[in-house]
Amino acid sequence: MCYTISENRKRDKMKKKNKGREYEKECQQTINSGAFFDKGDLKTEDYVIECKFTEKKGFRISTKILEKIWGEALDANKLPLLLVGIKDDKVQWNLQVTINKEMKP
């Protein structure tokens, strides 16, 4: 069966939407993330997830951001996870950052 480019794009877009819907079932979005007692942008059974996105050339991950995510995850008795999206004209980079904290003696 032959598909045109636009049909392929539509089919690919639908596959992505369906994958997203499947993932959404596993995640709980936090309303007004950070404004109330529930912290983080998304929550799963195991993770408190903070999502950041930019269309600039980069995104700086500071210790302030890491401490914020770490504290929210600790309060929820879950693991912290940072998702970062960086998009330019041609490419979107998606990073999944697991966060570990080690105290110096």
Protein backbone atom coordinates (compact mmCIF):
# COMPACT_ATOMS: atom_id res chain seq x y z
CA MET A 1 0.00 0.00 0.00
CA CYS A 2 1.36 3.43 -0.97
CA TYR A 3 0.86 6.49 1.21
CA THR A 4 1.51 10.09 0.34
CA ILE A 5 3.77 12.16 2.54
CA SER A 6 0.83 13.97 4.13
CA GLU A 7 -0.93 10.66 4.88
CA ASN A 8 2.27 9.35 6.50
CA ARG A 9 2.54 12.51 8.62
CA LYS A 10 -1.10 12.21 9.71
CA ARG A 11 -0.61 8.56 10.62
CA ASP A 12 2.60 9.34 12.54
CA LYS A 13 0.87 12.21 14.34
CA MET A 14 -1.99 9.92 15.40
CA LYS A 15 0.50 7.32 16.68
CA LYS A 16 2.22 10.01 18.78
CA LYS A 17 -1.11 11.24 20.15
CA ASN A 18 -2.14 7.70 21.10
CA LYS A 19 1.23 7.11 22.80
CA GLY A 20 0.77 10.36 24.69
CA ARG A 21 -2.71 9.35 25.82
CA GLU A 22 -1.37 6.01 27.08
CA TYR A 23 1.32 7.82 29.08
CA GLU A 24 -1.18 10.36 30.42
CA LYS A 25 -3.13 7.49 31.98
CA GLU A 26 -0.02 6.65 34.02
CA CYS A 27 0.64 10.28 35.05
CA GLN A 28 -1.34 12.70 37.13
CA GLN A 29 -0.95 16.34 36.16
CA THR A 30 -0.65 18.75 39.05
CA ILE A 31 -3.07 21.66 38.76
CA ASN A 32 -1.25 25.03 38.98
CA SER A 33 1.96 23.13 39.64
CA GLY A 34 3.71 24.56 42.66
CA ALA A 35 0.90 26.96 43.60
CA PHE A 36 -0.73 24.67 46.15
CA PHE A 37 0.39 21.76 48.31
CA ASP A 38 0.94 19.38 45.36
CA LYS A 39 4.30 20.13 43.80
CA GLY A 40 5.86 19.21 40.45
CA ASP A 41 4.31 19.27 36.99
CA LEU A 42 3.48 15.57 36.76
CA LYS A 43 3.31 12.66 39.16
CA THR A 44 3.47 8.93 38.61
CA GLU A 45 3.43 6.13 41.11
CA ASP A 46 7.21 6.44 41.49
CA TYR A 47 8.19 9.96 40.37
CA VAL A 48 7.59 13.67 40.89
CA ILE A 49 8.35 15.13 37.46
CA GLU A 50 9.33 18.70 36.67
CA CYS A 51 9.03 19.69 33.00
CA LYS A 52 10.99 22.53 31.39
CA PHE A 53 10.89 23.60 27.74
CA THR A 54 12.65 26.30 25.74
CA GLU A 55 13.04 27.41 22.14
CA LYS A 56 16.32 29.13 23.01
CA LYS A 57 19.75 27.64 22.34
CA GLY A 58 19.98 26.06 25.77
CA PHE A 59 18.67 25.63 29.26
CA ARG A 60 20.71 26.05 32.43
CA ILE A 61 20.10 23.53 35.18
CA SER A 62 20.98 25.27 38.44
CA THR A 63 21.33 23.85 41.93
CA LYS A 64 18.27 25.93 42.85
CA ILE A 65 16.14 23.95 40.38
CA LEU A 66 17.65 20.65 41.51
CA GLU A 67 17.07 21.43 45.21
CA LYS A 68 13.45 22.40 44.45
CA ILE A 69 12.74 19.15 42.59
CA TRP A 70 14.63 17.10 45.19
CA GLY A 71 12.65 18.60 48.06
CA GLU A 72 9.29 18.14 46.35
CA ALA A 73 10.06 14.50 45.59
CA LEU A 74 11.27 13.90 49.14
CA ASP A 75 8.07 15.41 50.56
CA ALA A 76 6.01 13.11 48.33
CA ASN A 77 8.19 10.06 49.15
CA LYS A 78 8.94 9.63 45.43
CA LEU A 79 11.93 9.91 43.12
CA PRO A 80 12.72 13.22 41.37
CA LEU A 81 12.81 13.44 37.58
CA LEU A 82 13.50 16.43 35.33
CA LEU A 83 12.32 16.49 31.71
CA VAL A 84 13.88 19.17 29.50
CA GLY A 85 12.90 20.03 25.93
CA ILE A 86 15.13 22.26 23.81
CA LYS A 87 13.88 23.14 20.34
CA ASP A 88 15.48 25.07 17.50
CA ASP A 89 14.33 25.50 13.90
CA LYS A 90 15.10 21.93 12.84
CA VAL A 91 15.48 19.71 15.90
CA GLN A 92 13.88 19.15 19.28
CA TRP A 93 16.08 17.62 21.95
CA ASN A 94 14.37 15.81 24.82
CA LEU A 95 16.35 15.08 27.95
CA GLN A 96 15.32 12.89 30.85
CA VAL A 97 17.44 13.74 33.89
CA THR A 98 17.45 11.50 36.93
CA ILE A 99 18.60 13.32 40.05
CA ASN A 100 20.83 11.85 42.74
CA LYS A 101 22.11 13.82 45.70
CA GLU A 102 25.31 12.88 47.51
CA MET A 103 26.36 14.75 50.63
CA LYS A 104 30.06 15.48 51.09
CA PRO A 105 31.57 14.36 54.42
